[in-house]
Amino acid sequence: MSARQSGEVYRCELYRAGHTVHHIQALHSAGEPHREGRLTEVLGDVITVDFGGLTRRYRNHDTGRLVDLVGLGGTVQVCERYDILRGAGSYCFSVLDADEPWVPCDHEPLTSFTPEALAERLETHGGFLVPGAAVVDDA
């Protein structure tokens, strides 16, 4: 199972649907329409949301944290355009339609910050974050 258990801490380096939310994705989704529903079931990395007559299933690698924050039966909002589920105030979770192919988490941190390495990371991981110290010119 790729979903973490409640209380377990780790950092997934993927910025693809169902994995880590990139801050740009979160900001863009904030101004978009969201559909409100209830979190009705969590099985492994698959969550079920009832939108009042329409039920959708999504994957997320952090379902333990989602349940800790929202709770079964809790209210969530989903922005399909940016694959974002919001709950418990302003918490964001990236979601992937459960019928889509799932890619397991990648926990290997970015180690090279050259333009070529960043371009490759964008292609393979869907995004990246660069520590400020990595871009400071020490000269």
C-alpha atoms as a PDB file:
ATOM      1  CA  MET A   1       0.000   0.000   0.000  1.00  0.00           C
ATOM      2  CA  SER A   2       1.395   3.418  -0.883  1.00  0.00           C
ATOM      3  CA  ALA A   3      -0.807   5.414   1.487  1.00  0.00           C
ATOM      4  CA  ARG A   4       0.897   6.388   4.718  1.00  0.00           C
ATOM      5  CA  GLN A   5      -0.544   5.413   8.041  1.00  0.00           C
ATOM      6  CA  SER A   6      -1.853   8.059  10.425  1.00  0.00           C
ATOM      7  CA  GLY A   7       1.060   9.781  12.184  1.00  0.00           C
ATOM      8  CA  GLU A   8       3.765   8.563   9.767  1.00  0.00           C
ATOM      9  CA  VAL A   9       5.855  11.357   8.248  1.00  0.00           C
ATOM     10  CA  TYR A  10       7.672  11.293   4.905  1.00  0.00           C
ATOM     11  CA  ARG A  11       8.182  13.470   1.853  1.00  0.00           C
ATOM     12  CA  CYS A  12       7.035  12.334  -1.565  1.00  0.00           C
ATOM     13  CA  GLU A  13       8.929  14.137  -4.323  1.00  0.00           C
ATOM     14  CA  LEU A  14       6.261  13.655  -7.031  1.00  0.00           C
ATOM     15  CA  TYR A  15       4.149  16.656  -8.013  1.00  0.00           C
ATOM     16  CA  ARG A  16       1.633  14.651 -10.013  1.00  0.00           C
ATOM     17  CA  ALA A  17      -2.045  14.030  -9.361  1.00  0.00           C
ATOM     18  CA  GLY A  18      -2.467  12.037  -6.154  1.00  0.00           C
ATOM     19  CA  HIS A  19       0.910  13.064  -4.760  1.00  0.00           C
ATOM     20  CA  THR A  20       2.459  16.276  -3.380  1.00  0.00           C
ATOM     21  CA  VAL A  21       0.597  19.532  -3.976  1.00  0.00           C
ATOM     22  CA  HIS A  22       2.790  22.214  -5.531  1.00  0.00           C
ATOM     23  CA  HIS A  23       2.124  25.703  -4.159  1.00  0.00           C
ATOM     24  CA  ILE A  24       1.435  27.057  -7.662  1.00  0.00           C
ATOM     25  CA  GLN A  25      -1.224  24.364  -8.196  1.00  0.00           C
ATOM     26  CA  ALA A  26      -2.799  25.224  -4.834  1.00  0.00           C
ATOM     27  CA  LEU A  27      -2.839  28.955  -5.608  1.00  0.00           C
ATOM     28  CA  HIS A  28      -4.367  28.490  -9.070  1.00  0.00           C
ATOM     29  CA  SER A  29      -7.045  26.160  -7.751  1.00  0.00           C
ATOM     30  CA  ALA A  30      -8.128  28.599  -5.030  1.00  0.00           C
ATOM     31  CA  GLY A  31      -9.930  30.809  -7.548  1.00  0.00           C
ATOM     32  CA  GLU A  32     -11.591  27.936  -9.405  1.00  0.00           C
ATOM     33  CA  PRO A  33     -14.987  26.306  -8.820  1.00  0.00           C
ATOM     34  CA  HIS A  34     -15.036  23.474  -6.281  1.00  0.00           C
ATOM     35  CA  ARG A  35     -17.699  20.819  -5.811  1.00  0.00           C
ATOM     36  CA  GLU A  36     -18.623  20.125  -2.180  1.00  0.00           C
ATOM     37  CA  GLY A  37     -19.045  16.584  -0.944  1.00  0.00           C
ATOM     38  CA  ARG A  38     -18.529  14.230   1.985  1.00  0.00           C
ATOM     39  CA  LEU A  39     -15.626  11.865   2.524  1.00  0.00           C
ATOM     40  CA  THR A  40     -17.418   8.537   2.851  1.00  0.00           C
ATOM     41  CA  GLU A  41     -14.740   5.840   2.608  1.00  0.00           C
ATOM     42  CA  VAL A  42     -10.984   5.338   2.643  1.00  0.00           C
ATOM     43  CA  LEU A  43      -9.434   2.032   1.575  1.00  0.00           C
ATOM     44  CA  GLY A  44      -5.656   2.177   1.302  1.00  0.00           C
ATOM     45  CA  ASP A  45      -4.853   5.014  -1.066  1.00  0.00           C
ATOM     46  CA  VAL A  46      -8.387   5.224  -2.501  1.00  0.00           C
ATOM     47  CA  ILE A  47     -10.895   7.713  -1.113  1.00  0.00           C
ATOM     48  CA  THR A  48     -14.580   7.975  -1.921  1.00  0.00           C
ATOM     49  CA  VAL A  49     -16.428  11.281  -1.994  1.00  0.00           C
ATOM     50  CA  ASP A  50     -20.217  11.559  -2.178  1.00  0.00           C
ATOM     51  CA  PHE A  51     -21.334  14.710  -3.960  1.00  0.00           C
ATOM     52  CA  GLY A  52     -25.017  14.192  -3.141  1.00  0.00           C
ATOM     53  CA  GLY A  53     -26.062  11.602  -5.683  1.00  0.00           C
ATOM     54  CA  LEU A  54     -22.758  11.380  -7.522  1.00  0.00           C
ATOM     55  CA  THR A  55     -19.965   9.294  -6.011  1.00  0.00           C
ATOM     56  CA  ARG A  56     -16.358   9.698  -7.142  1.00  0.00           C
ATOM     57  CA  ARG A  57     -13.268   7.719  -6.196  1.00  0.00           C
ATOM     58  CA  TYR A  58      -9.799   9.253  -6.067  1.00  0.00           C
ATOM     59  CA  ARG A  59      -6.284   8.161  -5.135  1.00  0.00           C
ATOM     60  CA  ASN A  60      -4.014  10.035  -2.752  1.00  0.00           C
ATOM     61  CA  HIS A  61      -0.761   8.984  -1.104  1.00  0.00           C
ATOM     62  CA  ASP A  62      -1.625  10.684   2.194  1.00  0.00           C
ATOM     63  CA  THR A  63      -5.031   9.260   3.118  1.00  0.00           C
ATOM     64  CA  GLY A  64      -4.050   8.825   6.778  1.00  0.00           C
ATOM     65  CA  ARG A  65      -3.489  12.571   7.102  1.00  0.00           C
ATOM     66  CA  LEU A  66      -6.699  13.306   5.203  1.00  0.00           C
ATOM     67  CA  VAL A  67      -8.731  11.175   7.621  1.00  0.00           C
ATOM     68  CA  ASP A  68      -6.937  12.741  10.616  1.00  0.00           C
ATOM     69  CA  LEU A  69      -7.894  16.227   9.418  1.00  0.00           C
ATOM     70  CA  VAL A  70     -11.320  15.745   7.835  1.00  0.00           C
ATOM     71  CA  GLY A  71     -12.645  12.512   9.342  1.00  0.00           C
ATOM     72  CA  LEU A  72     -15.010  10.085   7.655  1.00  0.00           C
ATOM     73  CA  GLY A  73     -18.214  11.947   6.892  1.00  0.00           C
ATOM     74  CA  GLY A  74     -16.357  15.261   6.839  1.00  0.00           C
ATOM     75  CA  THR A  75     -16.930  17.934   4.235  1.00  0.00           C
ATOM     76  CA  VAL A  76     -14.444  18.331   1.380  1.00  0.00           C
ATOM     77  CA  GLN A  77     -14.311  20.449  -1.761  1.00  0.00           C
ATOM     78  CA  VAL A  78     -12.832  19.166  -5.025  1.00  0.00           C
ATOM     79  CA  CYS A  79     -11.438  21.261  -7.858  1.00  0.00           C
ATOM     80  CA  GLU A  80     -11.328  18.858 -10.797  1.00  0.00           C
ATOM     81  CA  ARG A  81      -9.418  21.283 -13.034  1.00  0.00           C
ATOM     82  CA  TYR A  82      -6.352  21.209 -10.771  1.00  0.00           C
ATOM     83  CA  ASP A  83      -6.905  17.788  -9.135  1.00  0.00           C
ATOM     84  CA  ILE A  84      -7.183  19.372  -5.673  1.00  0.00           C
ATOM     85  CA  LEU A  85      -9.265  18.263  -2.719  1.00  0.00           C
ATOM     86  CA  ARG A  86      -9.600  20.789   0.108  1.00  0.00           C
ATOM     87  CA  GLY A  87     -10.742  19.980   3.609  1.00  0.00           C
ATOM     88  CA  ALA A  88     -10.489  21.065   7.240  1.00  0.00           C
ATOM     89  CA  GLY A  89     -10.185  24.710   6.276  1.00  0.00           C
ATOM     90  CA  SER A  90      -7.373  25.373   3.835  1.00  0.00           C
ATOM     91  CA  TYR A  91      -5.646  21.956   3.702  1.00  0.00           C
ATOM     92  CA  CYS A  92      -5.008  20.797   0.131  1.00  0.00           C
ATOM     93  CA  PHE A  93      -4.570  17.253  -1.132  1.00  0.00           C
ATOM     94  CA  SER A  94      -3.755  16.300  -4.689  1.00  0.00           C
ATOM     95  CA  VAL A  95      -6.130  13.656  -6.054  1.00  0.00           C
ATOM     96  CA  LEU A  96      -6.112  11.327  -9.047  1.00  0.00           C
ATOM     97  CA  ASP A  97      -9.196   9.672 -10.510  1.00  0.00           C
ATOM     98  CA  ALA A  98      -9.028   6.141  -9.070  1.00  0.00           C
ATOM     99  CA  ASP A  99      -9.489   4.612 -12.526  1.00  0.00           C
ATOM    100  CA  GLU A 100      -6.314   6.283 -13.814  1.00  0.00           C
ATOM    101  CA  PRO A 101      -2.923   4.507 -13.630  1.00  0.00           C
ATOM    102  CA  TRP A 102      -1.151   5.038 -10.295  1.00  0.00           C
ATOM    103  CA  VAL A 103       2.555   5.837  -9.981  1.00  0.00           C
ATOM    104  CA  PRO A 104       4.137   4.938  -6.618  1.00  0.00           C
ATOM    105  CA  CYS A 105       5.689   7.686  -4.505  1.00  0.00           C
ATOM    106  CA  ASP A 106       9.296   8.705  -5.065  1.00  0.00           C
ATOM    107  CA  HIS A 107      11.189   9.708  -1.923  1.00  0.00           C
ATOM    108  CA  GLU A 108      14.537  10.551  -3.549  1.00  0.00           C
ATOM    109  CA  PRO A 109      15.297  14.242  -2.970  1.00  0.00           C
ATOM    110  CA  LEU A 110      16.491  16.560  -5.699  1.00  0.00           C
ATOM    111  CA  THR A 111      20.293  16.675  -5.488  1.00  0.00           C
ATOM    112  CA  SER A 112      21.363  18.677  -8.542  1.00  0.00           C
ATOM    113  CA  PHE A 113      20.083  22.157  -9.332  1.00  0.00           C
ATOM    114  CA  THR A 114      21.518  22.647 -12.811  1.00  0.00           C
ATOM    115  CA  PRO A 115      19.071  23.793 -15.493  1.00  0.00           C
ATOM    116  CA  GLU A 116      19.324  20.333 -17.104  1.00  0.00           C
ATOM    117  CA  ALA A 117      18.607  18.539 -13.827  1.00  0.00           C
ATOM    118  CA  LEU A 118      15.623  20.794 -13.115  1.00  0.00           C
ATOM    119  CA  ALA A 119      14.230  20.277 -16.626  1.00  0.00           C
ATOM    120  CA  GLU A 120      14.554  16.516 -16.174  1.00  0.00           C
ATOM    121  CA  ARG A 121      12.881  16.689 -12.750  1.00  0.00           C
ATOM    122  CA  LEU A 122      10.003  18.687 -14.203  1.00  0.00           C
ATOM    123  CA  GLU A 123       9.518  16.006 -16.861  1.00  0.00           C
ATOM    124  CA  THR A 124       9.837  12.987 -14.531  1.00  0.00           C
ATOM    125  CA  HIS A 125       8.206  14.356 -11.354  1.00  0.00           C
ATOM    126  CA  GLY A 126       5.796  17.032 -12.565  1.00  0.00           C
ATOM    127  CA  GLY A 127       7.566  19.808 -10.649  1.00  0.00           C
ATOM    128  CA  PHE A 128      10.099  20.538  -7.952  1.00  0.00           C
ATOM    129  CA  LEU A 129      10.974  22.877  -5.112  1.00  0.00           C
ATOM    130  CA  VAL A 130      14.481  24.287  -4.865  1.00  0.00           C
ATOM    131  CA  PRO A 131      15.873  25.277  -1.452  1.00  0.00           C
ATOM    132  CA  GLY A 132      16.788  28.972  -1.417  1.00  0.00           C
ATOM    133  CA  ALA A 133      20.343  28.178  -0.341  1.00  0.00           C
ATOM    134  CA  ALA A 134      20.820  26.141  -3.529  1.00  0.00           C
ATOM    135  CA  VAL A 135      20.343  29.170  -5.757  1.00  0.00           C
ATOM    136  CA  VAL A 136      22.406  31.666  -3.766  1.00  0.00           C
ATOM    137  CA  ASP A 137      25.618  32.654  -5.507  1.00  0.00           C
ATOM    138  CA  ASP A 138      28.460  32.133  -3.024  1.00  0.00           C
ATOM    139  CA  ALA A 139      30.903  34.159  -5.141  1.00  0.00           C
END
